[in-house]
C-alpha cells in the first residue's frame, strides 16, 4: 500500500472528474441533473471540505427512473440466465480493475480507512461473482408429487425494484443488494445515501461499460424525504430493499403500504459479544476489538455490548482498553490508519453526546471518550466500564467506535442481558464448552450468531435479524426469495372425470 502523499495524489486525480461534472443521476443510460436543477454539496469528513456537487432529485426524477426500469424489465427478464451470468462476471472483472480508484474515493467520501475500503471494493466484485454463478439457476424450482397430481414450482423476477443503501461501506452494500436483483432478472432504481454518493455513480458506470443495457440499472440521488420517499411510494416499483436505521425502516414500511410493496429491511443492532472465563481470551479480545473498532464502528454487526463473566471482567476489560488505546486514528488514506473520521459533523455530535450521557448515568470511561483534534470528525476509540444494561450506551445504537462492558454472573444472566434489547441482528459467543455453546445459541435472540469467531461471512448463508433489526434475509437463495415470485403449476396425472355438483 502506498504512503499517504502518494494516495492523496492518486485520489485527487480520480476526484477531478466528479468536481467538474458533479454526481448526476443516471437514468436510461444517461447522466442527467435533477430536473429542478437543484443540487447539494458533498463534503469529506476528513476536514469537512467540499468534494463535489450532487443532484438533489425529486419525485419527477424518480418517476423517470421508474419508467426507465419498467421499459427495460421485459427484455432483461427474458435474457437467459447464462447470459446474465457472463455479464455479471464482466462487471466483477471491471470492479477489480478499478478497485484502487473505488477504495480511494470511498475512503475520502466516508472517512473509513483505506485498509478496509480496499477490501470492500474486492468484496463487491465477489458479490457479483457469487450471484453471477447463481443466475442460471435463479428460476429453478421443485417437483412436488401428490396422488394423481404433479406440481412444478418455478420462480420469476418480481419487476422493477428500489434499492436504498446507507453511507457506511456504500460500495460493498450496494453490490450486496444489486447483484442478486440483476441475477434474478429485476431492473433497479438505486437511491444511494446523500452522505456518500460518489461510488454509486462510479458503480453504474462500470456496469454499463461492461455491457449492462441502459435502463436496467438507474441511479437517482437526493434526500430521503424527497427522492427516497418518492421511490418507496412509486406504483411502478414492486419492492424496496433498504439498509439503514430502524426508524427509517418503519417509515419505509408505511410509505410502501398503499402500493403493497414487498420490503426487505436490513436495520440496526446492539449486538452482544459474550465472553466466558473458559474461552481463549487472547483470541476473544482480538475479535472483540476488531468487531467494534474496525470500520470506525459504523456497521450494523458491530459488537457494541461486551458481556464478560464476572471472574475475568476486570482483567479482560483492561486488556481491551490497552488494545483500544493503541489503535491508530488518523487520515483515512494513511496506510497505518485503523480508525478515520466519522461520516459527518452531525454524526460525530451524536457519538459525543453519548459520552456525556454515559458519565451522567455513572459509567466509567476506561479509554477514549473524547473528540480528537479541531478539524474533521475524529473520535477516540472508547470503552465504557461499570455499566449496566439499562444505560443509554447499552440500549441505543451509537454507530461509532464505542464499546460498553457489562459483567455477568452466570449463563442465565448472560442470556438475560444479551436478549434484553429491541434489536436482534447478531451475537458473538466465546466459550470452549460445547454444550454451553449449544444451549446459548439456541436461546439467543439474534438472526446471526458466531461462536469463537468474529463476523466471517459465508455468502450462501442467510444474513438478517429479528425485531428492530429488520425483515427478511440476504445471501444465497434467500435473496432470490425476495427478488422473485414463486409460481406453482399443478398437473392432473389420473385423467379422471371432474367431480359433478348435484345429481
Protein backbone atom coordinates (compact mmCIF):
# COMPACT_ATOMS: atom_id res chain seq x y z
CA UNK A 1 0.00 0.00 0.00
CA UNK A 2 1.39 3.41 -0.96
CA UNK A 3 2.13 6.15 1.54
CA UNK A 4 -0.25 8.98 2.43
CA UNK A 5 1.10 11.56 -0.02
CA UNK A 6 1.02 9.08 -2.93
CA UNK A 7 -2.53 8.05 -2.05
CA UNK A 8 -3.67 11.68 -1.78
CA UNK A 9 -2.22 12.48 -5.21
CA UNK A 10 -3.99 9.48 -6.76
CA UNK A 11 -7.26 10.39 -5.03
CA UNK A 12 -7.12 13.96 -6.34
CA UNK A 13 -6.67 12.67 -9.90
CA UNK A 14 -9.77 10.49 -9.55
CA UNK A 15 -11.80 13.22 -7.84
CA UNK A 16 -11.18 15.84 -10.52
CA UNK A 17 -13.84 14.48 -12.88
CA UNK A 18 -16.51 14.48 -10.16
CA UNK A 19 -15.67 18.04 -9.18
CA UNK A 20 -16.06 19.12 -12.78
CA UNK A 21 -19.25 17.23 -13.66
CA UNK A 22 -20.80 16.69 -10.23
CA UNK A 23 -22.52 13.48 -9.26
CA UNK A 24 -25.55 13.35 -11.50
CA UNK A 25 -28.46 10.97 -11.82
CA UNK A 26 -28.17 8.06 -14.24
CA UNK A 27 -31.45 7.26 -15.98
CA UNK A 28 -31.93 5.07 -19.06
CA UNK A 29 -28.19 5.14 -19.72
CA UNK A 30 -27.78 8.93 -19.48
CA UNK A 31 -26.15 11.14 -16.86
CA UNK A 32 -28.68 13.83 -16.01
CA UNK A 33 -29.00 16.67 -13.50
CA UNK A 34 -32.08 16.84 -11.30
CA UNK A 35 -34.99 18.11 -13.36
CA UNK A 36 -35.41 21.00 -10.96
CA UNK A 37 -31.74 21.93 -11.40
CA UNK A 38 -31.20 21.63 -7.65
CA UNK A 39 -28.02 20.22 -6.14
CA UNK A 40 -26.30 19.91 -2.78
CA UNK A 41 -22.68 19.91 -1.65
CA UNK A 42 -20.91 16.67 -0.74
CA UNK A 43 -18.06 17.07 1.78
CA UNK A 44 -15.35 14.86 3.24
CA UNK A 45 -15.31 14.19 6.99
CA UNK A 46 -11.50 14.47 6.93
CA UNK A 47 -11.75 18.27 7.18
CA UNK A 48 -15.36 18.98 6.09
CA UNK A 49 -14.12 20.46 2.81
CA UNK A 50 -16.11 20.31 -0.44
CA UNK A 51 -15.75 17.26 -2.64
CA UNK A 52 -18.37 17.78 -5.35
CA UNK A 53 -21.95 18.81 -6.03
CA UNK A 54 -24.69 16.18 -6.20
CA UNK A 55 -28.07 16.20 -7.95
CA UNK A 56 -30.87 16.87 -5.48
CA UNK A 57 -33.71 14.94 -7.05
CA UNK A 58 -37.44 14.94 -6.50
CA UNK A 59 -40.48 12.87 -7.49
CA UNK A 60 -40.15 13.74 -11.19
CA UNK A 61 -36.65 12.24 -11.32
CA UNK A 62 -37.78 9.10 -9.52
CA UNK A 63 -40.70 8.79 -11.92
CA UNK A 64 -38.38 8.99 -14.93
CA UNK A 65 -36.11 6.33 -13.43
CA UNK A 66 -39.02 4.04 -12.53
CA UNK A 67 -40.37 4.29 -16.08
CA UNK A 68 -36.93 3.51 -17.49
CA UNK A 69 -36.71 0.45 -15.23
CA UNK A 70 -40.19 -0.66 -16.31
CA UNK A 71 -39.35 -0.29 -20.00
CA UNK A 72 -36.12 -2.27 -19.59
CA UNK A 73 -37.67 -5.03 -17.49
CA UNK A 74 -39.18 -7.34 -20.13
CA UNK A 75 -36.06 -7.78 -22.30
CA UNK A 76 -33.79 -8.07 -19.25
CA UNK A 77 -36.04 -10.64 -17.57
CA UNK A 78 -36.16 -12.63 -20.83
CA UNK A 79 -32.37 -12.80 -21.12
CA UNK A 80 -31.17 -16.37 -20.46
CA UNK A 81 -29.53 -16.89 -17.09
CA UNK A 82 -26.24 -17.90 -18.68
CA UNK A 83 -26.02 -14.56 -20.46
CA UNK A 84 -26.75 -12.69 -17.23
CA UNK A 85 -24.04 -14.80 -15.60
CA UNK A 86 -21.46 -13.76 -18.19
CA UNK A 87 -22.43 -10.11 -17.91
CA UNK A 88 -22.24 -10.08 -14.10
CA UNK A 89 -18.80 -11.70 -14.27
CA UNK A 90 -17.75 -8.94 -16.68
CA UNK A 91 -18.94 -6.35 -14.14
CA UNK A 92 -16.91 -8.12 -11.43
CA UNK A 93 -13.82 -8.02 -13.67
CA UNK A 94 -14.30 -4.30 -14.22
CA UNK A 95 -14.73 -3.65 -10.49
CA UNK A 96 -11.46 -5.45 -9.77
CA UNK A 97 -9.71 -3.44 -12.47
CA UNK A 98 -10.78 -0.19 -10.79
CA UNK A 99 -10.54 -1.36 -7.17
CA UNK A 100 -7.91 1.23 -6.22
CA UNK A 101 -10.00 4.09 -7.62
CA UNK A 102 -13.09 2.82 -5.79
CA UNK A 103 -11.24 2.44 -2.49
CA UNK A 104 -9.64 5.89 -2.63
CA UNK A 105 -12.90 7.67 -3.43
CA UNK A 106 -14.86 5.69 -0.84
CA UNK A 107 -12.31 6.30 1.91
CA UNK A 108 -12.42 10.07 1.45
CA UNK A 109 -16.19 10.17 0.99
CA UNK A 110 -16.95 8.12 4.12
CA UNK A 111 -13.88 8.64 6.32
CA UNK A 112 -13.28 4.91 6.67
CA UNK A 113 -9.68 3.79 6.38
CA UNK A 114 -8.20 2.70 3.09
CA UNK A 115 -7.08 -0.65 4.55
CA UNK A 116 -10.76 -1.63 4.90
CA UNK A 117 -12.12 0.15 1.82
CA UNK A 118 -9.65 -1.72 -0.40
CA UNK A 119 -11.15 -4.96 0.85
CA UNK A 120 -14.70 -3.63 0.46
CA UNK A 121 -14.13 -2.96 -3.25
CA UNK A 122 -12.91 -6.52 -3.80
CA UNK A 123 -15.79 -7.89 -1.73
CA UNK A 124 -18.12 -6.04 -4.11
CA UNK A 125 -16.60 -7.93 -7.01
CA UNK A 126 -17.00 -11.19 -5.07
CA UNK A 127 -20.70 -10.42 -4.53
CA UNK A 128 -21.16 -10.05 -8.30
CA UNK A 129 -19.29 -13.29 -8.98
CA UNK A 130 -21.32 -15.25 -6.45
CA UNK A 131 -24.64 -14.16 -7.92
CA UNK A 132 -23.35 -14.41 -11.47
CA UNK A 133 -22.86 -18.14 -10.91
CA UNK A 134 -26.33 -18.44 -9.42
CA UNK A 135 -28.10 -16.59 -12.26
CA UNK A 136 -28.63 -19.71 -14.44
CA UNK A 137 -30.42 -21.48 -11.56
CA UNK A 138 -32.36 -18.48 -10.23
CA UNK A 139 -35.65 -19.68 -11.74
CA UNK A 140 -35.25 -23.32 -10.70
CA UNK A 141 -37.96 -24.78 -8.52
CA UNK A 142 -39.12 -28.16 -7.25
CA UNK A 143 -41.24 -31.09 -8.36
CA UNK A 144 -43.81 -31.96 -5.71
CA UNK A 145 -45.83 -35.15 -6.11
CA UNK A 146 -49.27 -35.92 -4.72
CA UNK A 147 -51.75 -38.73 -5.52
CA UNK A 148 -52.80 -38.28 -9.16
CA UNK A 149 -51.01 -34.93 -9.36
CA UNK A 150 -47.60 -33.48 -10.19
CA UNK A 151 -46.74 -29.96 -9.05
CA UNK A 152 -43.95 -27.97 -10.61
CA UNK A 153 -42.74 -24.78 -8.97
CA UNK A 154 -40.67 -22.06 -10.61
CA UNK A 155 -39.57 -18.53 -9.83
CA UNK A 156 -39.95 -15.40 -11.96
CA UNK A 157 -38.38 -11.96 -11.43
CA UNK A 158 -40.52 -9.56 -9.45
CA UNK A 159 -40.13 -6.49 -11.69
CA UNK A 160 -38.56 -3.06 -11.15
CA UNK A 161 -37.26 -2.76 -7.59
CA UNK A 162 -35.94 0.10 -5.48
CA UNK A 163 -32.65 -0.20 -3.62
CA UNK A 164 -31.80 2.32 -0.88
CA UNK A 165 -28.29 1.99 0.52
CA UNK A 166 -26.53 3.58 3.52
CA UNK A 167 -23.43 5.72 3.91
CA UNK A 168 -21.29 3.11 5.67
CA UNK A 169 -19.32 0.94 3.18
CA UNK A 170 -21.75 2.10 0.47
CA UNK A 171 -19.99 0.43 -2.47
CA UNK A 172 -19.96 -3.06 -0.98
CA UNK A 173 -23.51 -2.80 0.39
CA UNK A 174 -24.78 -1.59 -3.00
CA UNK A 175 -23.35 -4.68 -4.70
CA UNK A 176 -24.80 -6.86 -1.92
CA UNK A 177 -28.30 -5.72 -2.91
CA UNK A 178 -27.95 -5.05 -6.63
CA UNK A 179 -26.07 -8.17 -7.76
CA UNK A 180 -28.82 -10.65 -6.71
CA UNK A 181 -31.53 -8.37 -8.13
CA UNK A 182 -29.80 -8.36 -11.51
CA UNK A 183 -29.14 -12.11 -11.35
CA UNK A 184 -32.84 -12.69 -10.67
CA UNK A 185 -33.85 -10.64 -13.73
CA UNK A 186 -35.10 -7.50 -11.97
CA UNK A 187 -34.40 -3.93 -13.03
CA UNK A 188 -33.34 -1.32 -10.49
CA UNK A 189 -33.73 2.22 -9.26
CA UNK A 190 -30.94 2.85 -6.77
CA UNK A 191 -31.05 5.73 -4.28
CA UNK A 192 -27.66 5.98 -2.52
CA UNK A 193 -27.15 7.78 0.78
CA UNK A 194 -26.69 11.52 0.33
CA UNK A 195 -23.61 11.50 2.61
CA UNK A 196 -21.59 9.14 0.37
CA UNK A 197 -22.86 9.22 -3.23
CA UNK A 198 -19.70 9.07 -5.37
CA UNK A 199 -19.09 5.34 -5.71
CA UNK A 200 -22.74 4.65 -6.60
CA UNK A 201 -22.24 6.79 -9.71
CA UNK A 202 -18.98 5.00 -10.41
CA UNK A 203 -20.55 1.56 -9.97
CA UNK A 204 -23.34 2.03 -12.52
CA UNK A 205 -20.78 3.49 -14.93
CA UNK A 206 -18.66 0.35 -14.53
CA UNK A 207 -21.70 -1.89 -15.08
CA UNK A 208 -22.81 -0.23 -18.31
CA UNK A 209 -19.26 -0.10 -19.65
CA UNK A 210 -19.18 -3.87 -19.08
CA UNK A 211 -22.28 -4.28 -21.26
CA UNK A 212 -25.33 -3.84 -19.00
CA UNK A 213 -28.21 -2.50 -21.14
CA UNK A 214 -29.36 1.08 -20.46
CA UNK A 215 -32.35 1.36 -18.14
CA UNK A 216 -31.70 -1.90 -16.32
CA UNK A 217 -29.88 -0.01 -13.56
CA UNK A 218 -30.81 3.59 -12.77
CA UNK A 219 -29.39 5.81 -10.02
CA UNK A 220 -31.20 8.81 -8.52
CA UNK A 221 -29.53 10.96 -5.87
CA UNK A 222 -31.16 13.10 -3.25
CA UNK A 223 -32.55 13.37 0.23
CA UNK A 224 -34.56 10.67 1.95
CA UNK A 225 -37.71 12.73 2.43
CA UNK A 226 -37.63 13.83 -1.21
CA UNK A 227 -36.14 11.22 -3.55
CA UNK A 228 -36.30 8.34 -1.06
CA UNK A 229 -39.96 8.81 -0.23
CA UNK A 230 -40.90 9.20 -3.89
CA UNK A 231 -39.19 5.87 -4.57
CA UNK A 232 -40.91 3.98 -1.76
CA UNK A 233 -44.30 5.34 -2.83
CA UNK A 234 -43.94 4.92 -6.61
CA UNK A 235 -46.53 2.49 -8.03
CA UNK A 236 -44.17 1.03 -10.67
CA UNK A 237 -41.67 -0.10 -8.02
CA UNK A 238 -42.58 -3.59 -6.83
CA UNK A 239 -40.25 -3.84 -3.82
CA UNK A 240 -37.84 -1.85 -1.69
CA UNK A 241 -34.57 -3.25 -0.38
CA UNK A 242 -33.30 -0.92 2.33
CA UNK A 243 -30.22 -0.80 4.55
CA UNK A 244 -30.18 1.78 7.32
CA UNK A 245 -31.67 2.89 10.61
CA UNK A 246 -34.61 1.11 12.22
CA UNK A 247 -36.70 4.30 12.46
CA UNK A 248 -36.30 4.89 8.72
CA UNK A 249 -37.23 1.26 8.07
CA UNK A 250 -40.55 1.82 9.84
CA UNK A 251 -41.23 4.85 7.65
CA UNK A 252 -40.45 2.87 4.51
CA UNK A 253 -42.94 0.16 5.50
CA UNK A 254 -45.64 2.78 5.98
CA UNK A 255 -44.81 4.59 2.73
CA UNK A 256 -44.87 1.37 0.72
CA UNK A 257 -48.08 0.02 2.25
CA UNK A 258 -50.59 1.77 -0.06
CA UNK A 259 -48.99 0.11 -3.11
CA UNK A 260 -48.49 -3.22 -1.26
CA UNK A 261 -44.76 -3.19 -1.81
CA UNK A 262 -42.58 -6.05 -0.69
CA UNK A 263 -39.92 -4.71 1.69
CA UNK A 264 -36.58 -6.06 2.84
CA UNK A 265 -35.19 -4.13 5.79
CA UNK A 266 -31.60 -4.55 6.96
CA UNK A 267 -31.58 -2.34 10.04
CA UNK A 268 -29.62 -1.59 13.20
CA UNK A 269 -28.24 -3.67 16.03
CA UNK A 270 -26.96 -3.55 19.59
CA UNK A 271 -25.05 -6.78 19.30
CA UNK A 272 -23.59 -8.60 22.32
CA UNK A 273 -20.25 -10.34 22.41
CA UNK A 274 -20.39 -12.79 25.34
CA UNK A 275 -17.10 -13.95 26.83
CA UNK A 276 -16.93 -16.82 29.34
CA UNK A 277 -13.91 -17.47 31.54
CA UNK A 278 -13.13 -20.76 29.76
CA UNK A 279 -12.71 -19.06 26.35
CA UNK A 280 -9.47 -18.45 24.52
CA UNK A 281 -9.24 -14.95 25.98
CA UNK A 282 -6.48 -13.67 23.69
CA UNK A 283 -8.46 -14.58 20.58
CA UNK A 284 -11.67 -13.25 22.12
CA UNK A 285 -10.01 -9.92 22.89
CA UNK A 286 -8.64 -9.54 19.36
CA UNK A 287 -12.02 -10.38 17.82
CA UNK A 288 -13.87 -8.02 20.17
CA UNK A 289 -11.56 -5.14 19.31
CA UNK A 290 -11.85 -5.87 15.59
CA UNK A 291 -15.65 -6.06 15.60
CA UNK A 292 -16.20 -2.72 17.34
CA UNK A 293 -13.29 -0.55 16.22
CA UNK A 294 -12.77 -1.58 12.59
CA UNK A 295 -14.77 0.40 10.00
CA UNK A 296 -15.00 3.19 12.63
CA UNK A 297 -17.61 1.13 14.47
CA UNK A 298 -20.03 2.28 11.77
CA UNK A 299 -21.58 -1.06 10.83
CA UNK A 300 -24.72 -2.85 11.86
CA UNK A 301 -22.97 -6.04 13.02
CA UNK A 302 -20.51 -4.27 15.35
CA UNK A 303 -20.22 -5.96 18.76
CA UNK A 304 -21.11 -2.87 20.77
CA UNK A 305 -22.02 -4.63 24.07
CA UNK A 306 -19.28 -6.65 25.77
CA UNK A 307 -20.72 -9.11 28.30
CA UNK A 308 -17.91 -10.63 30.37
CA UNK A 309 -18.05 -13.30 33.07
CA UNK A 310 -17.52 -11.51 36.38
CA UNK A 311 -14.48 -13.56 37.41
CA UNK A 312 -12.46 -12.26 34.44
CA UNK A 313 -14.22 -8.93 33.86
CA UNK A 314 -11.55 -6.58 35.21
CA UNK A 315 -8.61 -8.34 33.60
CA UNK A 316 -10.38 -8.74 30.26
CA UNK A 317 -11.60 -5.14 30.06
CA UNK A 318 -8.11 -3.93 30.97
CA UNK A 319 -6.80 -5.93 28.02
CA UNK A 320 -9.44 -4.38 25.72
CA UNK A 321 -8.67 -0.87 26.97
CA UNK A 322 -4.97 -1.32 26.28
CA UNK A 323 -5.64 -2.56 22.77
CA UNK A 324 -8.12 0.25 22.05
CA UNK A 325 -5.74 2.92 23.32
CA UNK A 326 -3.11 1.68 20.87
CA UNK A 327 -5.32 1.90 17.78
CA UNK A 328 -4.11 4.39 15.19
CA UNK A 329 -6.62 7.18 14.49
CA UNK A 330 -5.80 9.35 11.52
CA UNK A 331 -6.23 10.28 7.87
CA UNK A 332 -8.17 7.54 6.03
CA UNK A 333 -5.62 7.40 3.19
CA UNK A 334 -2.73 6.80 5.57
CA UNK A 335 -1.89 3.06 5.35
CA UNK A 336 -1.26 2.99 9.12
CA UNK A 337 -4.73 4.32 9.98
CA UNK A 338 -7.30 1.97 11.51
CA UNK A 339 -9.96 4.49 12.53
CA UNK A 340 -10.67 7.51 10.34
CA UNK A 341 -13.14 10.36 10.85
CA UNK A 342 -16.82 9.62 11.40
CA UNK A 343 -19.11 10.24 8.43
CA UNK A 344 -20.25 13.82 9.20
CA UNK A 345 -20.27 16.51 11.91
CA UNK A 346 -23.87 15.65 12.82
CA UNK A 347 -22.96 12.03 13.42
CA UNK A 348 -19.88 12.99 15.40
CA UNK A 349 -22.06 15.17 17.62
CA UNK A 350 -24.40 12.21 18.20
CA UNK A 351 -21.50 9.99 19.29
CA UNK A 352 -20.06 12.70 21.56
CA UNK A 353 -23.48 13.13 23.17
CA UNK A 354 -23.32 9.54 24.42
CA UNK A 355 -20.03 10.26 26.20
CA UNK A 356 -21.73 12.93 28.31
CA UNK A 357 -24.79 10.74 28.79
CA UNK A 358 -22.66 7.80 29.97
CA UNK A 359 -20.85 9.93 32.56
CA UNK A 360 -24.16 11.28 33.85
CA UNK A 361 -25.54 7.74 34.24
CA UNK A 362 -22.48 6.54 36.16
CA UNK A 363 -20.39 4.64 33.62
CA UNK A 364 -16.60 4.86 33.69
CA UNK A 365 -14.51 5.75 30.65
CA UNK A 366 -11.70 3.20 30.63
CA UNK A 367 -10.22 4.72 27.49
CA UNK A 368 -11.23 7.30 24.89
CA UNK A 369 -14.41 9.28 25.36
CA UNK A 370 -13.33 12.42 23.53
CA UNK A 371 -13.01 14.17 20.17
CA UNK A 372 -9.58 14.20 18.53
CA UNK A 373 -8.30 17.44 17.01
CA UNK A 374 -10.13 20.56 15.89
CA UNK A 375 -10.54 19.67 12.19
CA UNK A 376 -12.62 16.82 10.85
CA UNK A 377 -14.84 14.31 12.63
CA UNK A 378 -12.32 12.25 14.60
CA UNK A 379 -13.32 10.43 17.79
CA UNK A 380 -11.11 8.30 20.01
CA UNK A 381 -11.89 4.58 20.31
CA UNK A 382 -13.83 4.32 23.55
CA UNK A 383 -14.52 1.68 26.21
CA UNK A 384 -17.09 2.15 28.99
CA UNK A 385 -16.94 0.02 32.15
CA UNK A 386 -19.08 -0.04 35.32
CA UNK A 387 -22.06 -0.08 33.01
CA UNK A 388 -25.47 -1.70 33.28
CA UNK A 389 -27.82 -2.78 30.54
CA UNK A 390 -30.37 -0.06 31.33
CA UNK A 391 -27.97 2.76 30.40
CA UNK A 392 -28.41 4.57 27.07
CA UNK A 393 -24.95 3.40 25.94
CA UNK A 394 -26.16 -0.20 26.31
CA UNK A 395 -29.59 0.22 24.74
CA UNK A 396 -29.22 2.67 21.85
CA UNK A 397 -27.26 2.15 18.65
CA UNK A 398 -24.38 4.65 18.80
CA UNK A 399 -22.83 3.54 15.48
CA UNK A 400 -19.30 4.55 16.32
CA UNK A 401 -16.10 3.17 17.90
CA UNK A 402 -17.76 2.82 21.31
CA UNK A 403 -17.87 -0.37 23.40
CA UNK A 404 -19.84 -0.88 26.61
CA UNK A 405 -18.68 -3.61 29.03
CA UNK A 406 -21.13 -5.28 31.43
CA UNK A 407 -20.28 -8.14 33.84
CA UNK A 408 -22.46 -11.24 34.27
CA UNK A 409 -22.51 -13.88 36.98
CA UNK A 410 -23.60 -16.98 35.10
CA UNK A 411 -25.07 -18.33 31.88
CA UNK A 412 -28.64 -17.38 32.77
CA UNK A 413 -27.72 -13.76 33.48
CA UNK A 414 -25.64 -13.55 30.29
CA UNK A 415 -28.66 -14.67 28.27
CA UNK A 416 -30.96 -12.28 30.10
CA UNK A 417 -28.73 -9.28 29.39
CA UNK A 418 -27.98 -10.28 25.79
CA UNK A 419 -31.67 -10.67 24.92
CA UNK A 420 -32.78 -7.53 26.77
CA UNK A 421 -32.79 -5.32 23.67
CA UNK A 422 -35.28 -4.39 20.96
CA UNK A 423 -32.69 -5.45 18.39
CA UNK A 424 -31.75 -8.95 17.27
CA UNK A 425 -29.24 -8.78 14.45
CA UNK A 426 -26.07 -10.57 15.58
CA UNK A 427 -24.38 -12.10 18.61
CA UNK A 428 -20.86 -13.39 19.29
CA UNK A 429 -20.17 -16.14 21.81
CA UNK A 430 -16.79 -17.14 23.24
CA UNK A 431 -16.58 -20.40 25.19
CA UNK A 432 -14.79 -23.75 24.91
CA UNK A 433 -17.76 -25.60 26.43
CA UNK A 434 -19.61 -27.19 23.51
CA UNK A 435 -22.81 -27.97 25.41
CA UNK A 436 -22.93 -24.40 26.73
CA UNK A 437 -22.48 -23.10 23.19
CA UNK A 438 -25.40 -25.25 22.03
CA UNK A 439 -27.64 -24.02 24.84
CA UNK A 440 -26.68 -20.40 24.39
CA UNK A 441 -27.05 -20.26 20.62
CA UNK A 442 -30.46 -21.93 20.90
CA UNK A 443 -31.66 -19.31 23.38
CA UNK A 444 -30.01 -16.15 21.97
CA UNK A 445 -32.48 -13.97 20.09
CA UNK A 446 -30.42 -12.98 17.08
CA UNK A 447 -30.58 -13.76 13.39
CA UNK A 448 -26.85 -14.49 13.15
CA UNK A 449 -24.53 -15.92 15.80
CA UNK A 450 -20.81 -16.55 15.58
CA UNK A 451 -19.17 -18.94 18.06
CA UNK A 452 -15.47 -18.35 18.80
CA UNK A 453 -15.19 -16.07 15.78
CA UNK A 454 -15.59 -12.52 14.58
CA UNK A 455 -18.06 -11.82 11.77
CA UNK A 456 -16.81 -14.03 8.94
CA UNK A 457 -19.43 -14.13 6.20
CA UNK A 458 -20.06 -17.20 4.06
CA UNK A 459 -22.08 -15.85 1.13
CA UNK A 460 -24.55 -18.75 0.78
CA UNK A 461 -25.72 -18.34 4.40
CA UNK A 462 -28.66 -16.11 5.40
CA UNK A 463 -27.95 -12.57 6.61
CA UNK A 464 -30.56 -10.70 8.61
CA UNK A 465 -32.03 -10.05 12.02
CA UNK A 466 -35.03 -10.15 14.29
CA UNK A 467 -37.12 -7.47 15.99
CA UNK A 468 -35.97 -3.91 15.33
CA UNK A 469 -33.05 -5.27 13.29
CA UNK A 470 -35.19 -5.86 10.24
CA UNK A 471 -37.22 -8.13 8.00
CA UNK A 472 -36.04 -10.75 5.53
CA UNK A 473 -32.76 -12.41 4.69
CA UNK A 474 -29.99 -11.84 2.17
CA UNK A 475 -27.47 -14.36 0.94
CA UNK A 476 -27.71 -17.42 -1.31
CA UNK A 477 -31.22 -18.34 -2.38
CA UNK A 478 -32.66 -16.17 0.39
CA UNK A 479 -32.01 -13.14 -1.81
CA UNK A 480 -33.94 -14.72 -4.67
CA UNK A 481 -36.89 -15.30 -2.35
CA UNK A 482 -37.15 -11.53 -2.11
CA UNK A 483 -36.47 -10.51 -5.70
CA UNK A 484 -38.61 -13.24 -7.31
CA UNK A 485 -42.18 -14.54 -7.25
CA UNK A 486 -42.81 -18.26 -6.80
CA UNK A 487 -45.28 -19.91 -9.18
CA UNK A 488 -46.87 -23.35 -8.87
CA UNK A 489 -48.41 -25.34 -11.73
CA UNK A 490 -50.42 -28.47 -10.84
CA UNK A 491 -50.82 -31.22 -13.47
CA UNK A 492 -53.53 -33.84 -13.14
CA UNK A 493 -51.97 -37.26 -13.87
CA UNK A 494 -55.02 -39.51 -13.37
CA UNK A 495 -57.21 -38.29 -16.20
CA UNK A 496 -60.27 -38.79 -14.02
CA UNK A 497 -63.61 -37.16 -14.74
CA UNK A 498 -64.09 -33.86 -12.96
CA UNK A 499 -66.38 -34.00 -9.92
CA UNK A 500 -70.00 -33.08 -10.52
CA UNK A 501 -72.16 -30.80 -8.45
CA UNK A 502 -75.52 -32.29 -7.53
CA UNK A 503 -77.18 -35.18 -9.32
